[in-house]
Amino acid sequence: MLKVSTVNFCGQRIFCGIDVHKKSWRVNIRSEEFELEAYSQDPDEEQLLLHLRDRYPGGSYEVAYEAGFSGFSLQRRLKQRGVNCMVINPGDVPTSDKDKQRKSDRVDARKISRELSKGSLSGIYVPDEQMEYARSLVRQRRRLVEDQTRCKSRIWHLLMFSGLQLQQDMEHRHWSGRFVQGLQDMDCGNRHLRRTLDLMVEEYLQVRNLLLQATRQVRELSRELPYATRIELLQSIPGIGLVSAMVLLTELQDMRRFSTLDKLCGYAGIVPDLSGSGEQEVVKGITHRSNNYLRTTIVESSWVIIRKDPAMLMAYKKYCKRMHTNKAIIKIARHLLSRIRYVWLQNKPYETGITG
C-alpha cells in the first residue's frame, strides 16, 4: 500500500513581510534560506493565517509590517492568534538605492521579509490599547488648539488684507466674548465681506467650543485610574500643568522601556543630527526624527521652568553665555526630561532648586 507523507514545517521559521494598504495587502513569504512566494490578498488576517497554515503547516510564523494608517490593530489580532508580529518604523528598514529607484508594493514587502529573516529589524513599542485610546483624545485636543490658532490667523489676515480697522480699545484684547462680539458688529462696508467675516467668526466659535469640550474630557480622564497618581507626580514639576502631564503620560506610557536618558531624549527628539566623515563631524541642528507631540510639550514646559526653578534659571543663563537662546532651551529640555524620568521611576515629587 502506498504511503502518503504529509508536509511538516515543524521547527522551521517562516517569515512574512506585508505591505499594508486599505484595499489589499502585498505579501512576501520566505524561509531562512530563500524567498518562497509573493502574492496579493484581501486585507484580512484570517485569510493570511489560512494560507500560511495550508502551505507551511507546523511552521513558526513571524510577521512584520510598517507602521502607518492601520495602526496596531493587525498586530494585536495576530498576537491573539499566537503569531509573533512586529510593527516597524519605515525609516528603520535598510534600503538600497536600487530599492529606492524601483519602489513598489512588491519591493517593499520583499524588503521587509528579507530583513526580518536576517534579524536586522527592531519593532516599535506597541502601546496598551486603553492607553492608546486615551492618547488619541489628548492628541485630538492638540489638533483643536492648532485649528483654533489657524482660525484666528485667518481672521486677522482678512482684517489686514481688507483694510478693516478695529476700534482702539479692541486692538490689544484677547479673544474674549466682547472681542468676538465686536467682530460681529463691525461695519465692513460690503455685504460679501461681511458674510466672509461672519463665516470665519462662526468657524472660530465652533472650534473653540469643541476645544472646551475636549479639555473637559481630558481633565475628567486625568482623574481616573491608573492616570491620577502619575499625573499628580508630574504636576509637581514646575511648568507642567494638567494637559502637559497628560501628554507626557499618554505619549511615554511606560518609562521603563527607556533604559537610559539618552534613549528617552532620542525618542522625544531632544538630540542633534550629526554627520561625520573621517575626522570631521558636523552638527546639523536638532533632529527631525521625533515624537512631535512630546517634543513640543517638553520645550514649552522648559520655557516655564526656568522662570520657576532657580537652579534651572542658572543653568539656562550659563548656556546662554556660549550659545543662542533657542539652543540653550534645548539643553534645559534635556535637564527637564531627566527630572521627569526621575520623578516617574522613583515615584517622588519634584524638588525645586536641585542642580544636576
Protein backbone atom coordinates (compact mmCIF):
# COMPACT_ATOMS: atom_id res chain seq x y z
CA MET A 1 0.00 0.00 0.00
CA LEU A 2 1.37 3.42 -0.98
CA LYS A 3 2.20 5.60 1.99
CA VAL A 4 1.36 9.27 1.72
CA SER A 5 3.63 11.57 3.69
CA THR A 6 2.37 14.98 4.79
CA VAL A 7 4.47 18.11 4.61
CA ASN A 8 5.53 19.39 8.00
CA PHE A 9 7.47 22.57 8.68
CA CYS A 10 7.77 21.91 12.39
CA GLY A 11 10.83 23.68 13.83
CA GLN A 12 11.23 25.92 10.78
CA ARG A 13 10.76 29.68 10.80
CA ILE A 14 8.58 31.22 8.12
CA PHE A 15 9.00 34.97 7.63
CA CYS A 16 6.20 37.09 6.23
CA GLY A 17 6.54 40.73 5.18
CA ILE A 18 3.36 42.67 4.46
CA ASP A 19 2.92 45.98 2.68
CA VAL A 20 -0.40 47.04 4.17
CA HIS A 21 -2.98 49.06 2.25
CA LYS A 22 -6.67 49.74 2.70
CA LYS A 23 -7.92 47.55 -0.16
CA SER A 24 -5.16 44.94 -0.45
CA TRP A 25 -2.03 43.54 1.16
CA ARG A 26 1.13 42.67 -0.72
CA VAL A 27 2.63 39.62 0.97
CA ASN A 28 6.14 38.19 0.65
CA ILE A 29 7.00 34.88 2.33
CA ARG A 30 10.44 33.39 2.76
CA SER A 31 12.33 30.83 4.80
CA GLU A 32 15.72 31.35 6.41
CA GLU A 33 17.36 30.38 3.11
CA PHE A 34 15.39 31.96 0.28
CA GLU A 35 12.16 33.55 -0.91
CA LEU A 36 9.21 31.18 -1.19
CA GLU A 37 6.37 33.20 -2.72
CA ALA A 38 4.91 36.66 -3.26
CA TYR A 39 1.25 37.46 -3.82
CA SER A 40 -1.56 39.93 -3.14
CA GLN A 41 -4.58 39.26 -0.97
CA ASP A 42 -7.54 40.97 0.65
CA PRO A 43 -6.80 42.90 3.87
CA ASP A 44 -7.78 40.02 6.14
CA GLU A 45 -5.54 38.36 8.74
CA GLU A 46 -7.72 35.22 8.77
CA GLN A 47 -7.04 34.70 5.07
CA LEU A 48 -3.31 35.17 5.70
CA LEU A 49 -3.26 32.62 8.53
CA LEU A 50 -5.22 30.05 6.49
CA HIS A 51 -2.72 30.42 3.67
CA LEU A 52 0.31 30.04 5.98
CA ARG A 53 -1.13 27.01 7.76
CA ASP A 54 -2.14 25.38 4.48
CA ARG A 55 1.17 25.91 2.66
CA TYR A 56 3.56 25.71 5.63
CA PRO A 57 1.85 23.60 8.31
CA GLY A 58 3.56 23.41 11.67
CA GLY A 59 5.94 26.29 10.95
CA SER A 60 6.82 29.10 13.31
CA TYR A 61 5.37 32.21 11.66
CA GLU A 62 6.92 35.66 12.07
CA VAL A 63 5.16 38.64 10.54
CA ALA A 64 6.20 42.29 10.12
CA TYR A 65 4.60 45.36 8.58
CA GLU A 66 5.32 49.09 8.56
CA ALA A 67 3.58 51.43 10.97
CA GLY A 68 1.04 53.62 9.22
CA PHE A 69 -2.63 54.29 8.83
CA SER A 70 -3.68 50.84 10.10
CA GLY A 71 -2.07 51.36 13.49
CA PHE A 72 -1.54 48.38 15.78
CA SER A 73 -4.85 46.57 15.24
CA LEU A 74 -3.35 43.92 12.92
CA GLN A 75 -0.50 43.25 15.36
CA ARG A 76 -2.95 42.76 18.22
CA ARG A 77 -5.19 40.42 16.25
CA LEU A 78 -2.27 38.27 15.11
CA LYS A 79 -0.85 38.20 18.63
CA GLN A 80 -4.20 36.90 19.91
CA ARG A 81 -3.90 34.08 17.35
CA GLY A 82 -0.45 33.16 18.65
CA VAL A 83 1.55 34.70 15.78
CA ASN A 84 4.60 36.80 16.51
CA CYS A 85 4.02 40.12 14.71
CA MET A 86 6.31 43.15 14.63
CA VAL A 87 5.38 46.72 13.73
CA ILE A 88 8.37 48.59 12.33
CA ASN A 89 9.30 52.18 11.57
CA PRO A 90 9.52 52.57 7.76
CA GLY A 91 12.65 54.65 8.18
CA ASP A 92 14.41 51.83 10.02
CA VAL A 93 14.20 49.30 7.18
CA PRO A 94 17.60 49.04 5.42
CA THR A 95 17.07 50.16 1.82
CA SER A 96 19.40 50.05 -1.16
CA ASP A 97 19.47 52.74 -3.82
CA LYS A 98 18.03 50.22 -6.27
CA ASP A 99 15.02 49.68 -3.99
CA LYS A 100 14.50 53.45 -3.75
CA GLN A 101 14.61 53.89 -7.52
CA ARG A 102 12.25 50.97 -8.16
CA LYS A 103 9.93 51.36 -5.21
CA SER A 104 6.70 49.34 -5.37
CA ASP A 105 4.48 47.34 -3.05
CA ARG A 106 6.18 44.15 -4.16
CA VAL A 107 9.64 45.56 -3.45
CA ASP A 108 8.57 46.88 -0.04
CA ALA A 109 7.07 43.53 1.03
CA ARG A 110 10.18 41.65 -0.15
CA LYS A 111 12.44 44.08 1.67
CA ILE A 112 10.54 43.63 4.95
CA SER A 113 10.58 39.83 4.80
CA ARG A 114 14.26 39.76 3.82
CA GLU A 115 15.37 41.98 6.69
CA LEU A 116 13.07 40.13 9.08
CA SER A 117 14.78 36.85 8.22
CA LYS A 118 18.19 38.46 8.83
CA GLY A 119 17.12 39.69 12.27
CA SER A 120 18.01 43.29 11.38
CA LEU A 121 14.60 44.78 12.21
CA SER A 122 13.57 46.25 15.57
CA GLY A 123 9.90 46.69 16.31
CA ILE A 124 8.46 49.90 17.68
CA TYR A 125 6.68 50.00 21.02
CA VAL A 126 3.09 48.74 20.85
CA PRO A 127 1.05 50.66 23.44
CA ASP A 128 -1.58 49.31 25.74
CA GLU A 129 -4.93 49.51 23.97
CA GLN A 130 -6.64 51.67 26.60
CA MET A 131 -3.64 53.99 26.83
CA GLU A 132 -3.65 54.35 23.05
CA TYR A 133 -7.28 55.47 23.11
CA ALA A 134 -6.50 57.96 25.87
CA ARG A 135 -3.63 59.27 23.75
CA SER A 136 -5.98 59.78 20.80
CA LEU A 137 -8.16 62.05 22.97
CA VAL A 138 -5.18 64.12 24.12
CA ARG A 139 -3.87 64.40 20.56
CA GLN A 140 -7.29 65.48 19.30
CA ARG A 141 -7.27 68.32 21.81
CA ARG A 142 -3.88 69.38 20.45
CA ARG A 143 -5.26 69.41 16.90
CA LEU A 144 -8.15 71.59 18.02
CA VAL A 145 -5.70 74.06 19.58
CA GLU A 146 -3.91 74.26 16.23
CA ASP A 147 -7.23 74.66 14.38
CA GLN A 148 -8.22 77.50 16.70
CA THR A 149 -4.91 79.26 16.05
CA ARG A 150 -5.46 78.92 12.30
CA CYS A 151 -8.96 80.42 12.60
CA LYS A 152 -7.59 83.42 14.48
CA SER A 153 -4.82 83.93 11.92
CA ARG A 154 -7.29 83.82 9.03
CA ILE A 155 -9.49 86.45 10.67
CA TRP A 156 -6.52 88.74 11.32
CA HIS A 157 -5.39 88.27 7.72
CA LEU A 158 -8.85 89.19 6.39
CA LEU A 159 -8.92 92.34 8.52
CA MET A 160 -5.46 93.43 7.37
CA PHE A 161 -5.99 92.47 3.72
CA SER A 162 -9.35 94.27 3.52
CA GLY A 163 -8.19 97.34 5.41
CA LEU A 164 -10.71 96.89 8.21
CA GLN A 165 -9.84 98.84 11.36
CA LEU A 166 -10.62 97.61 14.85
CA GLN A 167 -11.80 100.02 17.48
CA GLN A 168 -8.91 101.38 19.53
CA ASP A 169 -9.99 99.57 22.72
CA MET A 170 -10.15 96.22 20.83
CA GLU A 171 -6.69 96.12 19.27
CA HIS A 172 -4.90 94.52 22.22
CA ARG A 173 -7.75 92.46 23.63
CA HIS A 174 -7.71 88.71 23.98
CA TRP A 175 -10.32 86.70 22.12
CA SER A 176 -12.97 87.29 24.77
CA GLY A 177 -16.72 87.26 24.22
CA ARG A 178 -16.68 91.06 24.00
CA PHE A 179 -13.92 90.97 21.38
CA VAL A 180 -15.80 88.42 19.26
CA GLN A 181 -18.97 90.48 19.56
CA GLY A 182 -17.01 93.48 18.29
CA LEU A 183 -16.00 91.47 15.22
CA GLN A 184 -19.62 90.51 14.62
CA ASP A 185 -20.80 94.13 14.94
CA MET A 186 -18.01 95.62 12.80
CA ASP A 187 -19.02 97.72 9.81
CA CYS A 188 -17.37 96.00 6.83
CA GLY A 189 -18.81 98.32 4.16
CA ASN A 190 -19.64 95.41 1.86
CA ARG A 191 -22.14 92.60 2.32
CA HIS A 192 -19.87 89.95 0.78
CA LEU A 193 -17.03 90.90 3.08
CA ARG A 194 -19.47 90.89 6.00
CA ARG A 195 -20.59 87.36 5.14
CA THR A 196 -16.98 86.20 4.84
CA LEU A 197 -16.10 87.58 8.27
CA ASP A 198 -19.27 86.08 9.79
CA LEU A 199 -18.34 82.64 8.45
CA MET A 200 -14.81 82.92 9.82
CA VAL A 201 -16.04 84.03 13.25
CA GLU A 202 -18.61 81.21 13.28
CA GLU A 203 -15.89 78.68 12.42
CA TYR A 204 -13.73 80.04 15.25
CA LEU A 205 -16.60 79.79 17.76
CA GLN A 206 -17.34 76.19 16.75
CA VAL A 207 -13.69 75.16 17.10
CA ARG A 208 -13.44 76.97 20.45
CA ASN A 209 -16.50 75.10 21.70
CA LEU A 210 -15.02 71.76 20.60
CA LEU A 211 -11.74 72.65 22.29
CA LEU A 212 -13.58 73.40 25.52
CA GLN A 213 -15.30 70.00 25.36
CA ALA A 214 -12.02 68.22 24.66
CA THR A 215 -10.30 69.99 27.57
CA ARG A 216 -13.07 68.94 29.94
CA GLN A 217 -12.82 65.34 28.76
CA VAL A 218 -9.04 65.31 29.20
CA ARG A 219 -9.48 66.74 32.70
CA GLU A 220 -12.02 64.03 33.56
CA LEU A 221 -9.70 61.36 32.16
CA SER A 222 -6.83 62.60 34.36
CA ARG A 223 -8.89 61.82 37.48
CA GLU A 224 -9.36 58.17 36.52
CA LEU A 225 -7.13 55.24 37.45
CA PRO A 226 -4.41 54.48 36.54
CA TYR A 227 -3.70 58.06 35.41
CA ALA A 228 -4.45 60.09 38.57
CA THR A 229 -1.41 59.14 40.70
CA ARG A 230 1.12 59.63 37.89
CA ILE A 231 -0.47 62.92 36.84
CA GLU A 232 -0.15 64.29 40.38
CA LEU A 233 3.56 63.46 40.43
CA LEU A 234 4.21 65.03 37.05
CA GLN A 235 2.36 68.19 38.03
CA SER A 236 4.77 68.64 40.92
CA ILE A 237 7.35 69.67 38.30
CA PRO A 238 7.23 73.45 37.62
CA GLY A 239 5.98 74.24 34.14
CA ILE A 240 3.96 71.05 33.76
CA GLY A 241 0.24 71.53 34.09
CA LEU A 242 -2.57 69.04 33.77
CA VAL A 243 -2.70 68.98 29.97
CA SER A 244 1.10 68.78 29.66
CA ALA A 245 1.15 65.93 32.19
CA MET A 246 -1.47 64.06 30.19
CA VAL A 247 0.62 64.49 27.02
CA LEU A 248 3.68 63.10 28.82
CA LEU A 249 1.76 60.17 30.28
CA THR A 250 -0.03 59.13 27.09
CA GLU A 251 2.98 59.59 24.80
CA LEU A 252 5.58 57.91 27.06
CA GLN A 253 3.19 55.41 28.70
CA ASP A 254 5.90 53.22 30.26
CA MET A 255 9.14 54.91 31.30
CA ARG A 256 10.83 51.55 31.87
CA ARG A 257 11.10 51.00 28.12
CA PHE A 258 13.81 53.69 28.06
CA SER A 259 16.81 52.12 29.77
CA THR A 260 18.83 55.35 29.61
CA LEU A 261 18.21 59.08 29.47
CA ASP A 262 19.80 59.19 26.00
CA LYS A 263 17.18 56.80 24.65
CA LEU A 264 14.41 58.91 26.17
CA CYS A 265 15.87 62.09 24.64
CA GLY A 266 16.21 60.31 21.29
CA TYR A 267 12.54 59.32 21.34
CA ALA A 268 11.48 62.86 22.23
CA GLY A 269 13.77 64.33 19.57
CA ILE A 270 15.90 66.34 22.03
CA VAL A 271 19.13 65.29 20.28
CA PRO A 272 21.18 66.73 17.39
CA ASP A 273 21.52 65.38 13.88
CA LEU A 274 25.17 64.52 13.25
CA SER A 275 27.07 63.94 10.02
CA GLY A 276 30.67 62.78 10.11
CA SER A 277 33.36 61.68 7.69
CA GLY A 278 36.90 60.89 8.76
CA GLU A 279 37.91 63.32 11.48
CA GLN A 280 35.24 65.88 10.55
CA GLU A 281 31.90 65.91 12.34
CA VAL A 282 29.11 68.35 11.52
CA VAL A 283 26.17 69.11 13.82
CA LYS A 284 23.15 69.88 11.63
CA GLY A 285 20.83 71.08 14.39
CA ILE A 286 18.08 69.33 16.31
CA THR A 287 16.91 66.08 14.76
CA HIS A 288 13.83 65.92 12.56
CA ARG A 289 13.09 62.44 13.88
CA SER A 290 10.98 62.92 16.98
CA ASN A 291 7.66 62.49 18.70
CA ASN A 292 6.36 65.96 17.84
CA TYR A 293 3.63 65.97 20.48
CA LEU A 294 6.16 65.13 23.18
CA ARG A 295 8.94 67.45 21.99
CA THR A 296 6.65 70.47 21.70
CA THR A 297 5.34 69.92 25.22
CA ILE A 298 8.83 69.49 26.68
CA VAL A 299 10.18 72.66 25.02
CA GLU A 300 7.14 74.72 26.06
CA SER A 301 7.48 73.48 29.64
CA SER A 302 11.20 74.31 29.59
CA TRP A 303 10.44 77.98 28.97
CA VAL A 304 8.24 77.95 32.07
CA ILE A 305 10.52 76.02 34.41
CA ILE A 306 13.41 78.49 34.00
CA ARG A 307 11.09 81.13 35.48
CA LYS A 308 10.03 78.99 38.43
CA ASP A 309 13.11 76.95 39.38
CA PRO A 310 16.25 78.97 40.33
CA ALA A 311 18.58 76.06 39.54
CA MET A 312 17.20 75.74 36.01
CA LEU A 313 17.41 79.50 35.52
CA MET A 314 21.09 79.47 36.49
CA ALA A 315 21.76 76.61 34.08
CA TYR A 316 19.94 78.46 31.31
CA LYS A 317 21.96 81.65 31.83
CA LYS A 318 25.15 79.61 31.81
CA TYR A 319 24.26 78.06 28.47
CA CYS A 320 23.26 81.45 27.02
CA LYS A 321 26.80 82.72 27.50
CA ARG A 322 28.08 80.38 24.79
CA MET A 323 25.08 79.67 22.55
CA HIS A 324 21.85 81.11 21.19
CA THR A 325 18.81 81.12 23.50
CA ASN A 326 16.97 78.60 21.32
CA LYS A 327 19.85 76.15 21.66
CA ALA A 328 20.09 76.86 25.38
CA ILE A 329 16.44 75.96 25.92
CA ILE A 330 17.03 72.59 24.23
CA LYS A 331 19.73 71.95 26.82
CA ILE A 332 17.20 72.81 29.52
CA ALA A 333 14.70 70.46 27.87
CA ARG A 334 17.18 67.62 28.35
CA HIS A 335 17.52 68.53 32.05
CA LEU A 336 13.73 68.59 32.31
CA LEU A 337 13.44 65.15 30.72
CA SER A 338 15.97 63.85 33.24
CA ARG A 339 13.83 65.18 36.10
CA ILE A 340 10.65 63.76 34.59
CA ARG A 341 12.33 60.37 34.32
CA TYR A 342 13.50 60.50 37.93
CA VAL A 343 10.09 61.56 39.29
CA TRP A 344 8.37 58.87 37.22
CA LEU A 345 10.65 55.97 38.14
CA GLN A 346 11.19 56.89 41.80
CA ASN A 347 7.57 57.92 42.47
CA LYS A 348 8.84 61.02 44.27
CA PRO A 349 7.62 64.62 43.87
CA TYR A 350 9.91 67.17 42.23
CA GLU A 351 12.23 69.21 44.45
CA THR A 352 12.91 72.78 43.32
CA GLY A 353 16.42 74.20 43.34
CA ILE A 354 18.39 71.00 42.81
CA THR A 355 21.12 71.19 40.18
CA GLY A 356 22.47 68.39 38.04
